[in-house]
Amino acid sequence: WMLLMAPGEPGSPIDIDGLPPDLANSSASAMDPRANGQLISLPLREAREHFERAYLQAQLQRFGGNVSRTANFIGMERSALHRKLKTLGLYGEE
């Protein structure tokens, strides 16, 4: 759930003037499904690839680039994670 607080009467629509400046000034990146997390418009394979890449980058960062700890946390064999990182073009980034 998300709580939005904006000026106006309860239940009234929120227009662009009621948004924080960083949201109101968003440009074309807001329309990019990969930029704002809305992968629903992409084919399954492409959406899964974007999700896996972002997820694995975040987990690797969380564990300081330690592939063994990352693999253990996400429930993958270390060798399988190495293959997945290579497939996604992330090998060597950790």
Protein backbone atom coordinates (compact mmCIF):
# COMPACT_ATOMS: atom_id res chain seq x y z
CA TRP A 1 0.00 0.00 0.00
CA MET A 2 1.05 3.56 -0.57
CA LEU A 3 -0.17 6.64 1.24
CA LEU A 4 -0.40 9.74 -0.90
CA MET A 5 -0.81 13.07 0.77
CA ALA A 6 -1.82 15.92 -1.49
CA PRO A 7 -3.64 19.21 -1.08
CA GLY A 8 -7.35 19.17 -1.78
CA GLU A 9 -10.43 17.36 -0.62
CA PRO A 10 -10.27 13.66 0.27
CA GLY A 11 -11.09 11.60 -2.78
CA SER A 12 -10.37 14.39 -5.24
CA PRO A 13 -8.07 13.52 -8.15
CA ILE A 14 -4.38 14.32 -7.88
CA ASP A 15 -3.09 16.26 -10.85
CA ILE A 16 0.50 16.91 -11.88
CA ASP A 17 0.65 20.04 -9.71
CA GLY A 18 0.10 17.87 -6.64
CA LEU A 19 3.07 15.62 -7.36
CA PRO A 20 6.56 16.10 -5.95
CA PRO A 21 8.85 17.96 -8.39
CA ASP A 22 10.99 14.91 -9.14
CA LEU A 23 7.91 12.99 -10.27
CA ALA A 24 6.24 15.90 -12.02
CA ASN A 25 9.39 16.64 -14.02
CA SER A 26 9.87 13.06 -15.20
CA SER A 27 10.46 12.80 -18.90
CA ALA A 28 10.27 10.03 -21.43
CA SER A 29 11.94 7.62 -19.01
CA ALA A 30 8.59 7.37 -17.25
CA MET A 31 7.21 5.84 -20.43
CA ASP A 32 9.99 3.24 -20.59
CA PRO A 33 8.64 0.04 -19.00
CA ARG A 34 12.14 -0.97 -17.91
CA ALA A 35 12.82 2.39 -16.24
CA ASN A 36 9.81 2.42 -13.95
CA GLY A 37 9.41 -1.27 -13.27
CA GLN A 38 6.30 -1.77 -15.39
CA LEU A 39 7.42 -4.87 -17.23
CA ILE A 40 3.86 -5.98 -17.94
CA SER A 41 3.93 -4.65 -21.49
CA LEU A 42 7.01 -6.70 -22.41
CA PRO A 43 7.08 -10.28 -23.67
CA LEU A 44 7.66 -12.76 -20.84
CA ARG A 45 11.22 -13.64 -21.83
CA GLU A 46 12.29 -9.99 -22.00
CA ALA A 47 10.49 -9.07 -18.76
CA ARG A 48 12.09 -12.02 -16.96
CA GLU A 49 15.53 -11.00 -18.23
CA HIS A 50 15.08 -7.42 -17.00
CA PHE A 51 13.83 -8.62 -13.63
CA GLU A 52 16.60 -11.20 -13.20
CA ARG A 53 19.28 -8.68 -14.11
CA ALA A 54 17.99 -6.07 -11.65
CA TYR A 55 17.39 -8.67 -8.92
CA LEU A 56 20.82 -10.24 -9.23
CA GLN A 57 22.56 -6.87 -9.36
CA ALA A 58 20.77 -5.86 -6.16
CA GLN A 59 21.59 -9.14 -4.40
CA LEU A 60 25.23 -9.02 -5.46
CA GLN A 61 25.47 -5.49 -4.16
CA ARG A 62 23.79 -6.57 -0.92
CA PHE A 63 26.47 -9.23 -0.39
CA GLY A 64 29.38 -7.08 -1.51
CA GLY A 65 29.86 -8.97 -4.77
CA ASN A 66 30.29 -12.30 -2.98
CA VAL A 67 28.83 -14.82 -5.44
CA SER A 68 28.83 -17.70 -2.95
CA ARG A 69 26.83 -15.78 -0.34
CA THR A 70 24.49 -14.43 -3.04
CA ALA A 71 23.90 -17.93 -4.43
CA ASN A 72 23.21 -19.29 -0.96
CA PHE A 73 20.71 -16.52 -0.19
CA ILE A 74 18.78 -16.80 -3.48
CA GLY A 75 18.79 -20.61 -3.41
CA MET A 76 20.97 -21.32 -6.44
CA GLU A 77 24.09 -23.39 -6.86
CA ARG A 78 27.13 -21.13 -7.16
CA SER A 79 28.04 -22.58 -10.57
CA ALA A 80 24.48 -22.00 -11.83
CA LEU A 81 24.62 -18.41 -10.62
CA HIS A 82 27.93 -17.89 -12.44
CA ARG A 83 26.30 -19.18 -15.66
CA LYS A 84 23.26 -16.93 -15.15
CA LEU A 85 25.47 -13.88 -14.53
CA LYS A 86 27.39 -14.63 -17.73
CA THR A 87 24.14 -15.09 -19.70
CA LEU A 88 22.81 -11.75 -18.42
CA GLY A 89 26.09 -9.97 -19.14
CA LEU A 90 26.76 -9.39 -15.44
CA TYR A 91 29.78 -11.63 -15.09
CA GLY A 92 32.72 -9.60 -13.88
CA GLU A 93 30.52 -6.79 -12.47
CA GLU A 94 30.34 -8.30 -9.02
